[in-house]
């Protein structure tokens, strides 16, 4: 698959996912960055499974909902179809 053409909307969605992932620590941020980089390169392999492992229960700060929403938006823009995997 071809490398993704970046748009301002996709760049903003990527920034939102990276920011939301970073609130869970370095490991989650790294995993999200790897998934994003693969998606940008057009690689739909290496599913997003596990991105929300820490979000079994939402917290009072809404970190899980924010992360989930950011992932869903980016997933929709990229057309990766990973929504059911994270």
N, C-alpha and C. Protein backbone atom coordinates (compact mmCIF):
# COMPACT_ATOMS: atom_id res chain seq x y z
N UNK A 1 0.83 -1.17 0.00
CA UNK A 1 0.00 0.00 0.00
C UNK A 1 0.88 1.24 0.00
N UNK A 2 0.42 2.30 -0.63
CA UNK A 2 1.20 3.53 -0.77
C UNK A 2 1.22 4.32 0.52
N UNK A 3 2.26 5.11 0.65
CA UNK A 3 2.40 5.99 1.80
C UNK A 3 1.26 7.01 1.79
N UNK A 4 0.78 7.33 2.96
CA UNK A 4 -0.35 8.23 3.15
C UNK A 4 0.01 9.67 2.78
N UNK A 5 -0.92 10.34 2.09
CA UNK A 5 -0.78 11.77 1.84
C UNK A 5 -1.29 12.50 3.07
N UNK A 6 -0.42 13.25 3.71
CA UNK A 6 -0.77 13.95 4.94
C UNK A 6 -1.62 15.19 4.64
N UNK A 7 -2.64 15.39 5.44
CA UNK A 7 -3.46 16.58 5.37
C UNK A 7 -3.43 17.23 6.75
N UNK A 8 -3.81 18.50 6.86
CA UNK A 8 -3.84 19.13 8.18
C UNK A 8 -4.77 18.40 9.15
N UNK A 9 -5.87 17.85 8.65
CA UNK A 9 -6.80 17.11 9.51
C UNK A 9 -6.16 15.83 10.05
N UNK A 10 -5.44 15.12 9.20
CA UNK A 10 -4.75 13.90 9.64
C UNK A 10 -3.64 14.26 10.61
N UNK A 11 -2.88 15.31 10.30
CA UNK A 11 -1.80 15.73 11.21
C UNK A 11 -2.35 16.09 12.58
N UNK A 12 -3.49 16.78 12.64
CA UNK A 12 -4.10 17.15 13.92
C UNK A 12 -4.57 15.90 14.66
N UNK A 13 -5.16 14.94 13.94
CA UNK A 13 -5.63 13.70 14.56
C UNK A 13 -4.46 12.90 15.12
N UNK A 14 -3.35 12.86 14.39
CA UNK A 14 -2.14 12.18 14.87
C UNK A 14 -1.63 12.84 16.14
N UNK A 15 -1.59 14.15 16.15
CA UNK A 15 -1.13 14.87 17.33
C UNK A 15 -2.04 14.58 18.53
N UNK A 16 -3.36 14.50 18.30
CA UNK A 16 -4.29 14.19 19.38
C UNK A 16 -4.04 12.80 19.95
N UNK A 17 -3.82 11.81 19.07
CA UNK A 17 -3.55 10.45 19.53
C UNK A 17 -2.24 10.42 20.31
N UNK A 18 -1.22 11.04 19.79
CA UNK A 18 0.08 11.04 20.48
C UNK A 18 -0.02 11.70 21.84
N UNK A 19 -0.73 12.81 21.91
CA UNK A 19 -0.90 13.52 23.18
C UNK A 19 -1.69 12.68 24.17
N UNK A 20 -2.80 12.09 23.72
CA UNK A 20 -3.61 11.26 24.60
C UNK A 20 -2.84 10.03 25.06
N UNK A 21 -2.08 9.41 24.17
CA UNK A 21 -1.30 8.21 24.53
C UNK A 21 -0.24 8.55 25.56
N UNK A 22 0.35 9.71 25.46
CA UNK A 22 1.43 10.09 26.38
C UNK A 22 0.95 10.22 27.82
N UNK A 23 -0.35 10.43 28.02
CA UNK A 23 -0.86 10.53 29.39
C UNK A 23 -0.82 9.19 30.12
N UNK A 24 -0.62 8.10 29.37
CA UNK A 24 -0.54 6.77 29.96
C UNK A 24 0.89 6.30 30.17
N UNK A 25 1.85 7.12 29.78
CA UNK A 25 3.24 6.77 29.99
C UNK A 25 3.98 6.46 28.70
N UNK A 26 5.27 6.22 28.87
CA UNK A 26 6.16 6.03 27.73
C UNK A 26 5.82 4.79 26.89
N UNK A 27 5.45 3.70 27.55
CA UNK A 27 5.19 2.46 26.81
C UNK A 27 3.98 2.62 25.88
N UNK A 28 2.90 3.20 26.38
CA UNK A 28 1.71 3.40 25.56
C UNK A 28 1.99 4.41 24.46
N UNK A 29 2.72 5.46 24.78
CA UNK A 29 3.07 6.47 23.77
C UNK A 29 3.91 5.83 22.67
N UNK A 30 4.86 4.99 23.04
CA UNK A 30 5.70 4.31 22.05
C UNK A 30 4.85 3.41 21.16
N UNK A 31 3.97 2.61 21.77
CA UNK A 31 3.13 1.69 21.01
C UNK A 31 2.25 2.45 20.03
N UNK A 32 1.67 3.57 20.49
CA UNK A 32 0.83 4.39 19.62
C UNK A 32 1.65 4.98 18.47
N UNK A 33 2.86 5.43 18.77
CA UNK A 33 3.72 6.00 17.72
C UNK A 33 4.10 4.97 16.67
N UNK A 34 4.38 3.77 17.10
CA UNK A 34 4.70 2.69 16.15
C UNK A 34 3.49 2.41 15.26
N UNK A 35 2.30 2.31 15.87
CA UNK A 35 1.08 2.07 15.09
C UNK A 35 0.83 3.20 14.10
N UNK A 36 0.98 4.44 14.55
CA UNK A 36 0.79 5.60 13.67
C UNK A 36 1.79 5.57 12.52
N UNK A 37 3.05 5.35 12.83
CA UNK A 37 4.08 5.33 11.79
C UNK A 37 3.81 4.26 10.74
N UNK A 38 3.37 3.08 11.19
CA UNK A 38 3.03 2.01 10.24
C UNK A 38 1.85 2.41 9.36
N UNK A 39 0.84 3.02 9.97
CA UNK A 39 -0.34 3.43 9.22
C UNK A 39 0.02 4.50 8.20
N UNK A 40 0.88 5.42 8.57
CA UNK A 40 1.31 6.49 7.66
C UNK A 40 2.05 5.89 6.46
N UNK A 41 2.82 4.85 6.71
CA UNK A 41 3.57 4.19 5.65
C UNK A 41 2.67 3.31 4.79
N UNK A 42 1.40 3.18 5.18
CA UNK A 42 0.48 2.37 4.40
C UNK A 42 0.44 0.92 4.82
N UNK A 43 1.04 0.60 5.95
CA UNK A 43 1.10 -0.77 6.45
C UNK A 43 -0.06 -1.00 7.41
N UNK A 44 -1.02 -1.82 6.98
CA UNK A 44 -2.15 -2.13 7.84
C UNK A 44 -1.89 -3.35 8.71
N UNK A 45 -0.73 -3.93 8.55
CA UNK A 45 -0.34 -5.05 9.41
C UNK A 45 0.07 -4.48 10.77
N UNK A 46 0.20 -5.35 11.75
CA UNK A 46 0.59 -4.87 13.07
C UNK A 46 -0.55 -4.10 13.69
N UNK A 47 -1.64 -4.78 13.94
CA UNK A 47 -2.88 -4.18 14.41
C UNK A 47 -2.68 -3.32 15.65
N UNK A 48 -3.68 -2.53 15.90
CA UNK A 48 -3.68 -1.62 17.03
C UNK A 48 -4.07 -2.31 18.33
N UNK A 49 -4.23 -3.62 18.30
CA UNK A 49 -4.63 -4.34 19.51
C UNK A 49 -3.70 -3.98 20.66
N UNK A 50 -4.28 -3.68 21.77
CA UNK A 50 -3.48 -3.37 22.96
C UNK A 50 -3.32 -1.89 23.24
N UNK A 51 -3.70 -1.03 22.32
CA UNK A 51 -3.52 0.39 22.57
C UNK A 51 -4.31 0.87 23.77
N UNK A 52 -5.43 0.26 24.04
CA UNK A 52 -6.26 0.70 25.16
C UNK A 52 -6.29 -0.32 26.30
N UNK A 53 -5.26 -1.12 26.44
CA UNK A 53 -5.25 -2.11 27.51
C UNK A 53 -5.44 -1.47 28.88
N UNK A 54 -4.93 -0.28 29.06
CA UNK A 54 -5.04 0.39 30.35
C UNK A 54 -6.41 1.02 30.56
N UNK A 55 -7.28 0.94 29.58
CA UNK A 55 -8.58 1.60 29.64
C UNK A 55 -9.73 0.63 29.86
N UNK A 56 -9.52 -0.36 30.69
CA UNK A 56 -10.60 -1.27 30.99
C UNK A 56 -11.71 -0.51 31.72
N UNK A 57 -11.33 0.32 32.63
CA UNK A 57 -12.26 1.19 33.34
C UNK A 57 -11.82 2.63 33.11
N UNK A 58 -12.77 3.48 32.84
CA UNK A 58 -12.43 4.89 32.62
C UNK A 58 -12.08 5.53 33.94
N UNK A 59 -11.28 6.53 33.87
CA UNK A 59 -10.84 7.25 35.04
C UNK A 59 -11.65 8.54 35.19
N UNK A 60 -11.52 9.18 36.32
CA UNK A 60 -12.25 10.42 36.57
C UNK A 60 -11.81 11.56 35.66
N UNK A 61 -10.60 11.49 35.16
CA UNK A 61 -10.06 12.56 34.31
C UNK A 61 -10.51 12.42 32.85
N UNK A 62 -11.09 11.31 32.50
CA UNK A 62 -11.55 11.10 31.13
C UNK A 62 -10.44 10.76 30.14
N UNK A 63 -9.29 10.30 30.66
CA UNK A 63 -8.16 9.97 29.77
C UNK A 63 -8.52 8.88 28.78
N UNK A 64 -9.23 7.87 29.24
CA UNK A 64 -9.57 6.74 28.37
C UNK A 64 -10.52 7.16 27.26
N UNK A 65 -11.53 7.94 27.63
CA UNK A 65 -12.48 8.39 26.61
C UNK A 65 -11.77 9.28 25.59
N UNK A 66 -10.89 10.14 26.05
CA UNK A 66 -10.15 11.03 25.14
C UNK A 66 -9.27 10.22 24.19
N UNK A 67 -8.57 9.22 24.73
CA UNK A 67 -7.70 8.38 23.92
C UNK A 67 -8.52 7.57 22.91
N UNK A 68 -9.61 6.99 23.38
CA UNK A 68 -10.47 6.20 22.51
C UNK A 68 -11.05 7.06 21.37
N UNK A 69 -11.51 8.25 21.71
CA UNK A 69 -12.06 9.15 20.69
C UNK A 69 -11.01 9.56 19.68
N UNK A 70 -9.80 9.86 20.16
CA UNK A 70 -8.71 10.26 19.26
C UNK A 70 -8.34 9.12 18.32
N UNK A 71 -8.28 7.89 18.85
CA UNK A 71 -7.97 6.73 18.01
C UNK A 71 -9.05 6.50 16.97
N UNK A 72 -10.30 6.60 17.38
CA UNK A 72 -11.41 6.38 16.45
C UNK A 72 -11.39 7.41 15.32
N UNK A 73 -11.11 8.66 15.66
CA UNK A 73 -11.07 9.71 14.64
C UNK A 73 -9.93 9.45 13.65
N UNK A 74 -8.75 9.16 14.18
CA UNK A 74 -7.61 8.89 13.30
C UNK A 74 -7.85 7.64 12.46
N UNK A 75 -8.38 6.61 13.07
CA UNK A 75 -8.68 5.38 12.36
C UNK A 75 -9.64 5.65 11.20
N UNK A 76 -10.64 6.46 11.45
CA UNK A 76 -11.59 6.82 10.40
C UNK A 76 -10.94 7.59 9.26
N UNK A 77 -10.04 8.50 9.60
CA UNK A 77 -9.36 9.29 8.57
C UNK A 77 -8.39 8.44 7.75
N UNK A 78 -7.74 7.50 8.42
CA UNK A 78 -6.75 6.67 7.74
C UNK A 78 -7.39 5.50 7.00
N UNK A 79 -8.58 5.13 7.42
CA UNK A 79 -9.24 3.99 6.80
C UNK A 79 -8.56 2.69 7.12
N UNK A 80 -7.94 2.63 8.27
CA UNK A 80 -7.19 1.42 8.66
C UNK A 80 -8.13 0.31 9.08
N UNK A 81 -9.25 0.66 9.67
CA UNK A 81 -10.19 -0.37 10.10
C UNK A 81 -9.78 -1.08 11.36
N UNK A 82 -9.04 -0.40 12.20
CA UNK A 82 -8.56 -1.03 13.43
C UNK A 82 -9.49 -0.81 14.61
N UNK A 83 -10.57 -0.10 14.41
CA UNK A 83 -11.46 0.25 15.51
C UNK A 83 -11.84 -0.89 16.42
N UNK A 84 -12.08 -2.04 15.86
CA UNK A 84 -12.46 -3.18 16.69
C UNK A 84 -11.27 -3.81 17.39
N UNK A 85 -10.07 -3.36 17.08
CA UNK A 85 -8.88 -3.99 17.63
C UNK A 85 -8.29 -3.29 18.83
N UNK A 86 -8.56 -2.01 19.02
CA UNK A 86 -7.98 -1.34 20.18
C UNK A 86 -9.04 -1.21 21.24
